[in-house]
Amino acid sequence: QVQLVESGGGLVQPGGSLRLSCSVSGSISTRSGGAWYRQGPGKEREWVAGMLSGGATYYAGATTGRFTISRDNAKNMLYLQMNNLNAEDTATYYCKLASHWGQGTQVTVSS
């Protein structure tokens, strides 16, 4: 059974940083690539960043230069490093591998 569990969310001040983690278990590997999405209050879920199986990374315009997606295939972990956070980044963040989703982790950016 495939399971994705996010962690690392929390309350951070504007300009701060957080690192989200996604622990993957079951018959799926981060070697196949993965992605991060987010859903802000009153908004639809949106794609944030993605990594292909070969390691190429892609980012949504609002996160380019501030967010970095990475992985540790040995640990079957997917990460999202988020820097220079602002209020618009407040959302529940989800990791996704193939058709599988995690339960989300809340990120709140506020002073």
PDB file of N, CA and C in Angstrom:
ATOM      1  N   GLN A   1       0.845  -1.185   0.000  1.00  0.00           N
ATOM      2  CA  GLN A   1       0.000   0.000   0.000  1.00  0.00           C
ATOM      3  C   GLN A   1       0.885   1.242   0.000  1.00  0.00           C
ATOM      4  N   VAL A   2       0.612   2.136  -0.919  1.00  0.00           N
ATOM      5  CA  VAL A   2       1.409   3.348  -1.033  1.00  0.00           C
ATOM      6  C   VAL A   2       0.931   4.373  -0.009  1.00  0.00           C
ATOM      7  N   GLN A   3       1.900   4.998   0.645  1.00  0.00           N
ATOM      8  CA  GLN A   3       1.572   6.029   1.616  1.00  0.00           C
ATOM      9  C   GLN A   3       2.561   7.175   1.492  1.00  0.00           C
ATOM     10  N   LEU A   4       2.033   8.399   1.456  1.00  0.00           N
ATOM     11  CA  LEU A   4       2.837   9.612   1.437  1.00  0.00           C
ATOM     12  C   LEU A   4       2.475  10.423   2.663  1.00  0.00           C
ATOM     13  N   VAL A   5       3.489  10.808   3.430  1.00  0.00           N
ATOM     14  CA  VAL A   5       3.256  11.566   4.649  1.00  0.00           C
ATOM     15  C   VAL A   5       4.127  12.809   4.644  1.00  0.00           C
ATOM     16  N   GLU A   6       3.471  13.970   4.623  1.00  0.00           N
ATOM     17  CA  GLU A   6       4.186  15.240   4.662  1.00  0.00           C
ATOM     18  C   GLU A   6       4.443  15.669   6.098  1.00  0.00           C
ATOM     19  N   SER A   7       5.498  16.445   6.274  1.00  0.00           N
ATOM     20  CA  SER A   7       5.818  17.032   7.569  1.00  0.00           C
ATOM     21  C   SER A   7       6.645  18.283   7.338  1.00  0.00           C
ATOM     22  N   GLY A   8       6.812  19.068   8.403  1.00  0.00           N
ATOM     23  CA  GLY A   8       7.662  20.248   8.331  1.00  0.00           C
ATOM     24  C   GLY A   8       6.931  21.565   8.233  1.00  0.00           C
ATOM     25  N   GLY A   9       5.616  21.523   8.143  1.00  0.00           N
ATOM     26  CA  GLY A   9       4.863  22.762   8.097  1.00  0.00           C
ATOM     27  C   GLY A   9       4.838  23.451   9.439  1.00  0.00           C
ATOM     28  N   GLY A  10       4.286  24.660   9.442  1.00  0.00           N
ATOM     29  CA  GLY A  10       4.195  25.408  10.693  1.00  0.00           C
ATOM     30  C   GLY A  10       3.966  26.871  10.444  1.00  0.00           C
ATOM     31  N   LEU A  11       4.139  27.664  11.498  1.00  0.00           N
ATOM     32  CA  LEU A  11       3.978  29.114  11.444  1.00  0.00           C
ATOM     33  C   LEU A  11       5.353  29.754  11.274  1.00  0.00           C
ATOM     34  N   VAL A  12       5.478  30.624  10.308  1.00  0.00           N
ATOM     35  CA  VAL A  12       6.749  31.293  10.048  1.00  0.00           C
ATOM     36  C   VAL A  12       6.484  32.755   9.719  1.00  0.00           C
ATOM     37  N   GLN A  13       7.418  33.599  10.080  1.00  0.00           N
ATOM     38  CA  GLN A  13       7.278  35.024   9.791  1.00  0.00           C
ATOM     39  C   GLN A  13       7.612  35.306   8.324  1.00  0.00           C
ATOM     40  N   PRO A  14       7.065  36.375   7.781  1.00  0.00           N
ATOM     41  CA  PRO A  14       7.425  36.761   6.413  1.00  0.00           C
ATOM     42  C   PRO A  14       8.932  36.891   6.267  1.00  0.00           C
ATOM     43  N   GLY A  15       9.441  36.362   5.174  1.00  0.00           N
ATOM     44  CA  GLY A  15      10.878  36.355   4.943  1.00  0.00           C
ATOM     45  C   GLY A  15      11.579  35.121   5.475  1.00  0.00           C
ATOM     46  N   GLY A  16      10.860  34.319   6.215  1.00  0.00           N
ATOM     47  CA  GLY A  16      11.440  33.126   6.810  1.00  0.00           C
ATOM     48  C   GLY A  16      11.488  31.948   5.853  1.00  0.00           C
ATOM     49  N   SER A  17      11.952  30.830   6.394  1.00  0.00           N
ATOM     50  CA  SER A  17      12.134  29.617   5.581  1.00  0.00           C
ATOM     51  C   SER A  17      11.537  28.407   6.290  1.00  0.00           C
ATOM     52  N   LEU A  18      11.155  27.440   5.487  1.00  0.00           N
ATOM     53  CA  LEU A  18      10.714  26.145   5.980  1.00  0.00           C
ATOM     54  C   LEU A  18      11.167  25.078   4.999  1.00  0.00           C
ATOM     55  N   ARG A  19      11.367  23.882   5.520  1.00  0.00           N
ATOM     56  CA  ARG A  19      11.668  22.736   4.666  1.00  0.00           C
ATOM     57  C   ARG A  19      10.619  21.661   4.908  1.00  0.00           C
ATOM     58  N   LEU A  20       9.863  21.379   3.861  1.00  0.00           N
ATOM     59  CA  LEU A  20       8.860  20.332   3.931  1.00  0.00           C
ATOM     60  C   LEU A  20       9.454  19.008   3.502  1.00  0.00           C
ATOM     61  N   SER A  21       8.988  17.946   4.140  1.00  0.00           N
ATOM     62  CA  SER A  21       9.437  16.599   3.796  1.00  0.00           C
ATOM     63  C   SER A  21       8.236  15.749   3.437  1.00  0.00           C
ATOM     64  N   CYS A  22       8.448  14.800   2.554  1.00  0.00           N
ATOM     65  CA  CYS A  22       7.408  13.852   2.165  1.00  0.00           C
ATOM     66  C   CYS A  22       8.022  12.454   2.234  1.00  0.00           C
ATOM     67  N   SER A  23       7.560  11.690   3.191  1.00  0.00           N
ATOM     68  CA  SER A  23       8.055  10.318   3.348  1.00  0.00           C
ATOM     69  C   SER A  23       7.179   9.380   2.525  1.00  0.00           C
ATOM     70  N   VAL A  24       7.820   8.618   1.655  1.00  0.00           N
ATOM     71  CA  VAL A  24       7.098   7.750   0.729  1.00  0.00           C
ATOM     72  C   VAL A  24       7.332   6.288   1.106  1.00  0.00           C
ATOM     73  N   SER A  25       6.271   5.531   1.194  1.00  0.00           N
ATOM     74  CA  SER A  25       6.391   4.106   1.482  1.00  0.00           C
ATOM     75  C   SER A  25       5.457   3.313   0.575  1.00  0.00           C
ATOM     76  N   GLY A  26       5.766   2.037   0.443  1.00  0.00           N
ATOM     77  CA  GLY A  26       4.980   1.192  -0.438  1.00  0.00           C
ATOM     78  C   GLY A  26       5.660   0.971  -1.769  1.00  0.00           C
ATOM     79  N   SER A  27       4.913   0.501  -2.738  1.00  0.00           N
ATOM     80  CA  SER A  27       5.471   0.106  -4.027  1.00  0.00           C
ATOM     81  C   SER A  27       5.611   1.271  -4.996  1.00  0.00           C
ATOM     82  N   ILE A  28       6.283   2.307  -4.561  1.00  0.00           N
ATOM     83  CA  ILE A  28       6.548   3.461  -5.394  1.00  0.00           C
ATOM     84  C   ILE A  28       7.825   4.113  -4.915  1.00  0.00           C
ATOM     85  N   SER A  29       8.565   4.681  -5.837  1.00  0.00           N
ATOM     86  CA  SER A  29       9.871   5.251  -5.496  1.00  0.00           C
ATOM     87  C   SER A  29       9.967   6.696  -5.962  1.00  0.00           C
ATOM     88  N   THR A  30      10.708   7.482  -5.200  1.00  0.00           N
ATOM     89  CA  THR A  30      10.960   8.859  -5.618  1.00  0.00           C
ATOM     90  C   THR A  30      11.819   8.914  -6.873  1.00  0.00           C
ATOM     91  N   ARG A  31      12.407   7.779  -7.253  1.00  0.00           N
ATOM     92  CA  ARG A  31      13.165   7.747  -8.513  1.00  0.00           C
ATOM     93  C   ARG A  31      12.283   8.065  -9.717  1.00  0.00           C
ATOM     94  N   SER A  32      10.999   7.864  -9.567  1.00  0.00           N
ATOM     95  CA  SER A  32      10.078   8.148 -10.664  1.00  0.00           C
ATOM     96  C   SER A  32       9.710   9.624 -10.753  1.00  0.00           C
ATOM     97  N   GLY A  33      10.198  10.422  -9.780  1.00  0.00           N
ATOM     98  CA  GLY A  33       9.873  11.839  -9.763  1.00  0.00           C
ATOM     99  C   GLY A  33       8.695  12.118  -8.847  1.00  0.00           C
ATOM    100  N   GLY A  34       8.402  13.389  -8.683  1.00  0.00           N
ATOM    101  CA  GLY A  34       7.293  13.764  -7.827  1.00  0.00           C
ATOM    102  C   GLY A  34       7.012  15.244  -7.934  1.00  0.00           C
ATOM    103  N   ALA A  35       6.047  15.686  -7.160  1.00  0.00           N
ATOM    104  CA  ALA A  35       5.653  17.097  -7.238  1.00  0.00           C
ATOM    105  C   ALA A  35       5.078  17.562  -5.912  1.00  0.00           C
ATOM    106  N   TRP A  36       5.075  18.868  -5.774  1.00  0.00           N
ATOM    107  CA  TRP A  36       4.419  19.520  -4.639  1.00  0.00           C
ATOM    108  C   TRP A  36       3.298  20.413  -5.176  1.00  0.00           C
ATOM    109  N   TYR A  37       2.192  20.393  -4.454  1.00  0.00           N
ATOM    110  CA  TYR A  37       1.053  21.249  -4.732  1.00  0.00           C
ATOM    111  C   TYR A  37       0.699  21.990  -3.444  1.00  0.00           C
ATOM    112  N   ARG A  38      -0.149  23.006  -3.591  1.00  0.00           N
ATOM    113  CA  ARG A  38      -0.642  23.695  -2.404  1.00  0.00           C
ATOM    114  C   ARG A  38      -2.050  24.190  -2.653  1.00  0.00           C
ATOM    115  N   GLN A  39      -2.765  24.372  -1.554  1.00  0.00           N
ATOM    116  CA  GLN A  39      -4.114  24.919  -1.624  1.00  0.00           C
ATOM    117  C   GLN A  39      -4.273  25.955  -0.533  1.00  0.00           C
ATOM    118  N   GLY A  40      -4.383  27.208  -0.949  1.00  0.00           N
ATOM    119  CA  GLY A  40      -4.572  28.286  -0.006  1.00  0.00           C
ATOM    120  C   GLY A  40      -6.027  28.437   0.386  1.00  0.00           C
ATOM    121  N   PRO A  41      -6.297  29.205   1.427  1.00  0.00           N
ATOM    122  CA  PRO A  41      -7.675  29.394   1.885  1.00  0.00           C
ATOM    123  C   PRO A  41      -8.541  30.009   0.787  1.00  0.00           C
ATOM    124  N   GLY A  42      -9.625  29.342   0.465  1.00  0.00           N
ATOM    125  CA  GLY A  42     -10.526  29.832  -0.552  1.00  0.00           C
ATOM    126  C   GLY A  42     -10.027  29.707  -1.974  1.00  0.00           C
ATOM    127  N   LYS A  43      -8.938  28.961  -2.151  1.00  0.00           N
ATOM    128  CA  LYS A  43      -8.352  28.823  -3.483  1.00  0.00           C
ATOM    129  C   LYS A  43      -8.364  27.366  -3.929  1.00  0.00           C
ATOM    130  N   GLU A  44      -8.180  27.175  -5.223  1.00  0.00           N
ATOM    131  CA  GLU A  44      -8.061  25.823  -5.750  1.00  0.00           C
ATOM    132  C   GLU A  44      -6.641  25.313  -5.538  1.00  0.00           C
ATOM    133  N   ARG A  45      -6.503  24.010  -5.536  1.00  0.00           N
ATOM    134  CA  ARG A  45      -5.176  23.416  -5.409  1.00  0.00           C
ATOM    135  C   ARG A  45      -4.362  23.768  -6.645  1.00  0.00           C
ATOM    136  N   GLU A  46      -3.093  24.157  -6.435  1.00  0.00           N
ATOM    137  CA  GLU A  46      -2.241  24.537  -7.540  1.00  0.00           C
ATOM    138  C   GLU A  46      -0.901  23.834  -7.448  1.00  0.00           C
ATOM    139  N   TRP A  47      -0.321  23.600  -8.604  1.00  0.00           N
ATOM    140  CA  TRP A  47       0.991  22.984  -8.695  1.00  0.00           C
ATOM    141  C   TRP A  47       2.051  24.002  -8.290  1.00  0.00           C
ATOM    142  N   VAL A  48       3.047  23.536  -7.532  1.00  0.00           N
ATOM    143  CA  VAL A  48       4.092  24.412  -7.018  1.00  0.00           C
ATOM    144  C   VAL A  48       5.443  24.093  -7.649  1.00  0.00           C
ATOM    145  N   ALA A  49       5.796  22.806  -7.648  1.00  0.00           N
ATOM    146  CA  ALA A  49       7.109  22.400  -8.146  1.00  0.00           C
ATOM    147  C   ALA A  49       7.062  20.925  -8.514  1.00  0.00           C
ATOM    148  N   GLY A  50       7.917  20.532  -9.436  1.00  0.00           N
ATOM    149  CA  GLY A  50       7.961  19.143  -9.846  1.00  0.00           C
ATOM    150  C   GLY A  50       9.358  18.696 -10.205  1.00  0.00           C
ATOM    151  N   MET A  51       9.596  17.415 -10.063  1.00  0.00           N
ATOM    152  CA  MET A  51      10.872  16.824 -10.436  1.00  0.00           C
ATOM    153  C   MET A  51      10.600  15.586 -11.277  1.00  0.00           C
ATOM    154  N   LEU A  52      11.266  15.502 -12.428  1.00  0.00           N
ATOM    155  CA  LEU A  52      11.124  14.344 -13.297  1.00  0.00           C
ATOM    156  C   LEU A  52      12.037  13.221 -12.842  1.00  0.00           C
ATOM    157  N   SER A  53      11.850  12.042 -13.407  1.00  0.00           N
ATOM    158  CA  SER A  53      12.651  10.891 -12.994  1.00  0.00           C
ATOM    159  C   SER A  53      14.143  11.138 -13.190  1.00  0.00           C
ATOM    160  N   GLY A  54      14.501  11.880 -14.214  1.00  0.00           N
ATOM    161  CA  GLY A  54      15.912  12.148 -14.478  1.00  0.00           C
ATOM    162  C   GLY A  54      16.509  13.239 -13.618  1.00  0.00           C
ATOM    163  N   GLY A  55      15.681  13.896 -12.834  1.00  0.00           N
ATOM    164  CA  GLY A  55      16.170  14.916 -11.925  1.00  0.00           C
ATOM    165  C   GLY A  55      15.881  16.347 -12.347  1.00  0.00           C
ATOM    166  N   ALA A  56      15.374  16.556 -13.554  1.00  0.00           N
ATOM    167  CA  ALA A  56      15.036  17.913 -13.971  1.00  0.00           C
ATOM    168  C   ALA A  56      13.924  18.466 -13.079  1.00  0.00           C
ATOM    169  N   THR A  57      14.033  19.746 -12.752  1.00  0.00           N
ATOM    170  CA  THR A  57      13.061  20.376 -11.855  1.00  0.00           C
ATOM    171  C   THR A  57      12.351  21.530 -12.547  1.00  0.00           C
ATOM    172  N   TYR A  58      11.146  21.776 -12.122  1.00  0.00           N
ATOM    173  CA  TYR A  58      10.308  22.826 -12.704  1.00  0.00           C
ATOM    174  C   TYR A  58       9.526  23.495 -11.594  1.00  0.00           C
ATOM    175  N   TYR A  59       9.277  24.774 -11.768  1.00  0.00           N
ATOM    176  CA  TYR A  59       8.623  25.552 -10.718  1.00  0.00           C
ATOM    177  C   TYR A  59       7.534  26.451 -11.295  1.00  0.00           C
ATOM    178  N   ALA A  60       6.525  26.670 -10.472  1.00  0.00           N
ATOM    179  CA  ALA A  60       5.511  27.650 -10.826  1.00  0.00           C
ATOM    180  C   ALA A  60       6.129  29.028 -10.738  1.00  0.00           C
ATOM    181  N   GLY A  61       5.583  29.958 -11.500  1.00  0.00           N
ATOM    182  CA  GLY A  61       6.175  31.279 -11.571  1.00  0.00           C
ATOM    183  C   GLY A  61       6.318  31.964 -10.217  1.00  0.00           C
ATOM    184  N   ALA A  62       5.333  31.788  -9.362  1.00  0.00           N
ATOM    185  CA  ALA A  62       5.342  32.486  -8.078  1.00  0.00           C
ATOM    186  C   ALA A  62       6.395  31.940  -7.111  1.00  0.00           C
ATOM    187  N   THR A  63       6.924  30.762  -7.408  1.00  0.00           N
ATOM    188  CA  THR A  63       7.875  30.149  -6.482  1.00  0.00           C
ATOM    189  C   THR A  63       9.292  30.051  -7.044  1.00  0.00           C
ATOM    190  N   THR A  64       9.433  30.365  -8.303  1.00  0.00           N
ATOM    191  CA  THR A  64      10.755  30.280  -8.925  1.00  0.00           C
ATOM    192  C   THR A  64      11.753  31.180  -8.212  1.00  0.00           C
ATOM    193  N   GLY A  65      12.898  30.605  -7.883  1.00  0.00           N
ATOM    194  CA  GLY A  65      13.944  31.357  -7.205  1.00  0.00           C
ATOM    195  C   GLY A  65      13.831  31.349  -5.694  1.00  0.00           C
ATOM    196  N   ARG A  66      12.671  30.914  -5.178  1.00  0.00           N
ATOM    197  CA  ARG A  66      12.490  30.878  -3.720  1.00  0.00           C
ATOM    198  C   ARG A  66      12.335  29.442  -3.208  1.00  0.00           C
ATOM    199  N   PHE A  67      11.751  28.580  -4.017  1.00  0.00           N
ATOM    200  CA  PHE A  67      11.504  27.194  -3.615  1.00  0.00           C
ATOM    201  C   PHE A  67      12.444  26.262  -4.365  1.00  0.00           C
ATOM    202  N   THR A  68      12.835  25.176  -3.690  1.00  0.00           N
ATOM    203  CA  THR A  68      13.679  24.160  -4.319  1.00  0.00           C
ATOM    204  C   THR A  68      13.145  22.777  -3.981  1.00  0.00           C
ATOM    205  N   ILE A  69      12.846  21.998  -5.004  1.00  0.00           N
ATOM    206  CA  ILE A  69      12.417  20.616  -4.805  1.00  0.00           C
ATOM    207  C   ILE A  69      13.635  19.708  -4.916  1.00  0.00           C
ATOM    208  N   SER A  70      13.683  18.720  -4.044  1.00  0.00           N
ATOM    209  CA  SER A  70      14.789  17.775  -4.080  1.00  0.00           C
ATOM    210  C   SER A  70      14.299  16.415  -3.596  1.00  0.00           C
ATOM    211  N   ARG A  71      15.166  15.423  -3.674  1.00  0.00           N
ATOM    212  CA  ARG A  71      14.781  14.079  -3.244  1.00  0.00           C
ATOM    213  C   ARG A  71      15.988  13.337  -2.707  1.00  0.00           C
ATOM    214  N   ASP A  72      15.719  12.335  -1.918  1.00  0.00           N
ATOM    215  CA  ASP A  72      16.729  11.382  -1.464  1.00  0.00           C
ATOM    216  C   ASP A  72      16.189  10.008  -1.800  1.00  0.00           C
ATOM    217  N   ASN A  73      16.647   9.462  -2.895  1.00  0.00           N
ATOM    218  CA  ASN A  73      16.097   8.181  -3.352  1.00  0.00           C
ATOM    219  C   ASN A  73      16.406   7.048  -2.380  1.00  0.00           C
ATOM    220  N   ALA A  74      17.542   7.127  -1.713  1.00  0.00           N
ATOM    221  CA  ALA A  74      17.901   6.076  -0.759  1.00  0.00           C
ATOM    222  C   ALA A  74      16.911   6.022   0.404  1.00  0.00           C
ATOM    223  N   LYS A  75      16.412   7.184   0.780  1.00  0.00           N
ATOM    224  CA  LYS A  75      15.456   7.261   1.895  1.00  0.00           C
ATOM    225  C   LYS A  75      14.009   7.305   1.402  1.00  0.00           C
ATOM    226  N   ASN A  76      13.838   7.396   0.080  1.00  0.00           N
ATOM    227  CA  ASN A  76      12.497   7.532  -0.507  1.00  0.00           C
ATOM    228  C   ASN A  76      11.772   8.752   0.063  1.00  0.00           C
ATOM    229  N   MET A  77      12.477   9.878   0.033  1.00  0.00           N
ATOM    230  CA  MET A  77      11.969  11.130   0.572  1.00  0.00           C
ATOM    231  C   MET A  77      11.967  12.205  -0.512  1.00  0.00           C
ATOM    232  N   LEU A  78      10.950  13.036  -0.481  1.00  0.00           N
ATOM    233  CA  LEU A  78      10.842  14.204  -1.353  1.00  0.00           C
ATOM    234  C   LEU A  78      10.815  15.433  -0.450  1.00  0.00           C
ATOM    235  N   TYR A  79      11.490  16.499  -0.879  1.00  0.00           N
ATOM    236  CA  TYR A  79      11.603  17.697  -0.053  1.00  0.00           C
ATOM    237  C   TYR A  79      11.188  18.934  -0.833  1.00  0.00           C
ATOM    238  N   LEU A  80      10.813  19.962  -0.066  1.00  0.00           N
ATOM    239  CA  LEU A  80      10.570  21.276  -0.647  1.00  0.00           C
ATOM    240  C   LEU A  80      11.160  22.314   0.299  1.00  0.00           C
ATOM    241  N   GLN A  81      12.261  22.913  -0.121  1.00  0.00           N
ATOM    242  CA  GLN A  81      12.866  24.000   0.630  1.00  0.00           C
ATOM    243  C   GLN A  81      12.212  25.297   0.191  1.00  0.00           C
ATOM    244  N   MET A  82      11.678  26.045   1.154  1.00  0.00           N
ATOM    245  CA  MET A  82      10.965  27.278   0.853  1.00  0.00           C
ATOM    246  C   MET A  82      11.638  28.436   1.569  1.00  0.00           C
ATOM    247  N   ASN A  83      12.107  29.401   0.799  1.00  0.00           N
ATOM    248  CA  ASN A  83      12.781  30.573   1.351  1.00  0.00           C
ATOM    249  C   ASN A  83      12.012  31.845   1.032  1.00  0.00           C
ATOM    250  N   ASN A  84      12.310  32.888   1.796  1.00  0.00           N
ATOM    251  CA  ASN A  84      11.691  34.197   1.579  1.00  0.00           C
ATOM    252  C   ASN A  84      10.165  34.085   1.465  1.00  0.00           C
ATOM    253  N   LEU A  85       9.585  33.421   2.428  1.00  0.00           N
ATOM    254  CA  LEU A  85       8.146  33.178   2.404  1.00  0.00           C
ATOM    255  C   LEU A  85       7.365  34.466   2.626  1.00  0.00           C
ATOM    256  N   ASN A  86       6.190  34.521   1.999  1.00  0.00           N
ATOM    257  CA  ASN A  86       5.292  35.656   2.196  1.00  0.00           C
ATOM    258  C   ASN A  86       3.880  35.144   2.454  1.00  0.00           C
ATOM    259  N   ALA A  87       2.992  36.065   2.758  1.00  0.00           N
ATOM    260  CA  ALA A  87       1.635  35.683   3.147  1.00  0.00           C
ATOM    261  C   ALA A  87       0.920  34.889   2.056  1.00  0.00           C
ATOM    262  N   GLU A  88       1.274  35.156   0.807  1.00  0.00           N
ATOM    263  CA  GLU A  88       0.635  34.440  -0.303  1.00  0.00           C
ATOM    264  C   GLU A  88       1.023  32.955  -0.339  1.00  0.00           C
ATOM    265  N   ASP A  89       2.058  32.597   0.399  1.00  0.00           N
ATOM    266  CA  ASP A  89       2.476  31.201   0.436  1.00  0.00           C
ATOM    267  C   ASP A  89       1.701  30.391   1.481  1.00  0.00           C
ATOM    268  N   THR A  90       0.869  31.063   2.263  1.00  0.00           N
ATOM    269  CA  THR A  90       0.051  30.364   3.254  1.00  0.00           C
ATOM    270  C   THR A  90      -0.886  29.385   2.559  1.00  0.00           C
ATOM    271  N   ALA A  91      -0.770  28.116   2.937  1.00  0.00           N
ATOM    272  CA  ALA A  91      -1.553  27.082   2.269  1.00  0.00           C
ATOM    273  C   ALA A  91      -1.291  25.739   2.933  1.00  0.00           C
ATOM    274  N   THR A  92      -2.098  24.768   2.548  1.00  0.00           N
ATOM    275  CA  THR A  92      -1.783  23.389   2.868  1.00  0.00           C
ATOM    276  C   THR A  92      -0.985  22.836   1.706  1.00  0.00           C
ATOM    277  N   TYR A  93       0.158  22.237   2.015  1.00  0.00           N
ATOM    278  CA  TYR A  93       1.063  21.746   0.987  1.00  0.00           C
ATOM    279  C   TYR A  93       0.975  20.219   0.915  1.00  0.00           C
ATOM    280  N   TYR A  94       0.884  19.731  -0.321  1.00  0.00           N
ATOM    281  CA  TYR A  94       0.732  18.306  -0.571  1.00  0.00           C
ATOM    282  C   TYR A  94       1.842  17.793  -1.479  1.00  0.00           C
ATOM    283  N   CYS A  95       2.327  16.603  -1.202  1.00  0.00           N
ATOM    284  CA  CYS A  95       3.224  15.955  -2.149  1.00  0.00           C
ATOM    285  C   CYS A  95       2.434  14.931  -2.959  1.00  0.00           C
ATOM    286  N   LYS A  96       2.930  14.684  -4.159  1.00  0.00           N
ATOM    287  CA  LYS A  96       2.246  13.779  -5.082  1.00  0.00           C
ATOM    288  C   LYS A  96       3.264  12.966  -5.860  1.00  0.00           C
ATOM    289  N   LEU A  97       3.085  11.670  -5.893  1.00  0.00           N
ATOM    290  CA  LEU A  97       3.882  10.776  -6.722  1.00  0.00           C
ATOM    291  C   LEU A  97       2.922   9.930  -7.514  1.00  0.00           C
ATOM    292  N   ALA A  98       3.077   9.956  -8.824  1.00  0.00           N
ATOM    293  CA  ALA A  98       2.151   9.278  -9.729  1.00  0.00           C
ATOM    294  C   ALA A  98       0.737   9.762  -9.379  1.00  0.00           C
ATOM    295  N   SER A  99      -0.171   8.875  -9.029  1.00  0.00           N
ATOM    296  CA  SER A  99      -1.541   9.279  -8.710  1.00  0.00           C
ATOM    297  C   SER A  99      -1.795   9.332  -7.206  1.00  0.00           C
ATOM    298  N   HIS A 100      -0.722   9.252  -6.428  1.00  0.00           N
ATOM    299  CA  HIS A 100      -0.862   9.188  -4.976  1.00  0.00           C
ATOM    300  C   HIS A 100      -0.579  10.531  -4.324  1.00  0.00           C
ATOM    301  N   TRP A 101      -1.415  10.883  -3.339  1.00  0.00           N
ATOM    302  CA  TRP A 101      -1.303  12.148  -2.610  1.00  0.00           C
ATOM    303  C   TRP A 101      -1.062  11.896  -1.134  1.00  0.00           C
ATOM    304  N   GLY A 102      -0.356  12.846  -0.512  1.00  0.00           N
ATOM    305  CA  GLY A 102      -0.272  12.840   0.928  1.00  0.00           C
ATOM    306  C   GLY A 102      -1.467  13.558   1.525  1.00  0.00           C
ATOM    307  N   GLN A 103      -1.463  13.653   2.851  1.00  0.00           N
ATOM    308  CA  GLN A 103      -2.606  14.269   3.542  1.00  0.00           C
ATOM    309  C   GLN A 103      -2.437  15.769   3.700  1.00  0.00           C
ATOM    310  N   GLY A 104      -1.224  16.261   3.448  1.00  0.00           N
ATOM    311  CA  GLY A 104      -0.975  17.689   3.506  1.00  0.00           C
ATOM    312  C   GLY A 104      -0.359  18.140   4.813  1.00  0.00           C
ATOM    313  N   THR A 105       0.367  19.252   4.739  1.00  0.00           N
ATOM    314  CA  THR A 105       0.931  19.886   5.922  1.00  0.00           C
ATOM    315  C   THR A 105       0.692  21.388   5.793  1.00  0.00           C
ATOM    316  N   GLN A 106       0.274  22.007   6.878  1.00  0.00           N
ATOM    317  CA  GLN A 106      -0.140  23.417   6.851  1.00  0.00           C
ATOM    318  C   GLN A 106       1.066  24.334   7.012  1.00  0.00           C
ATOM    319  N   VAL A 107       1.138  25.317   6.148  1.00  0.00           N
ATOM    320  CA  VAL A 107       2.145  26.376   6.237  1.00  0.00           C
ATOM    321  C   VAL A 107       1.417  27.703   6.392  1.00  0.00           C
ATOM    322  N   THR A 108       1.741  28.424   7.442  1.00  0.00           N
ATOM    323  CA  THR A 108       1.139  29.731   7.691  1.00  0.00           C
ATOM    324  C   THR A 108       2.249  30.764   7.803  1.00  0.00           C
ATOM    325  N   VAL A 109       2.167  31.780   6.960  1.00  0.00           N
ATOM    326  CA  VAL A 109       3.152  32.850   6.971  1.00  0.00           C
ATOM    327  C   VAL A 109       2.472  34.096   7.530  1.00  0.00           C
ATOM    328  N   SER A 110       2.933  34.503   8.709  1.00  0.00           N
ATOM    329  CA  SER A 110       2.285  35.629   9.373  1.00  0.00           C
ATOM    330  C   SER A 110       3.221  36.217  10.414  1.00  0.00           C
ATOM    331  N   SER A 111       3.099  37.535  10.600  1.00  0.00           N
ATOM    332  CA  SER A 111       3.882  38.183  11.643  1.00  0.00           C
ATOM    333  C   SER A 111       3.090  38.242  12.937  1.00  0.00           C
TER     334      SER A 111
END
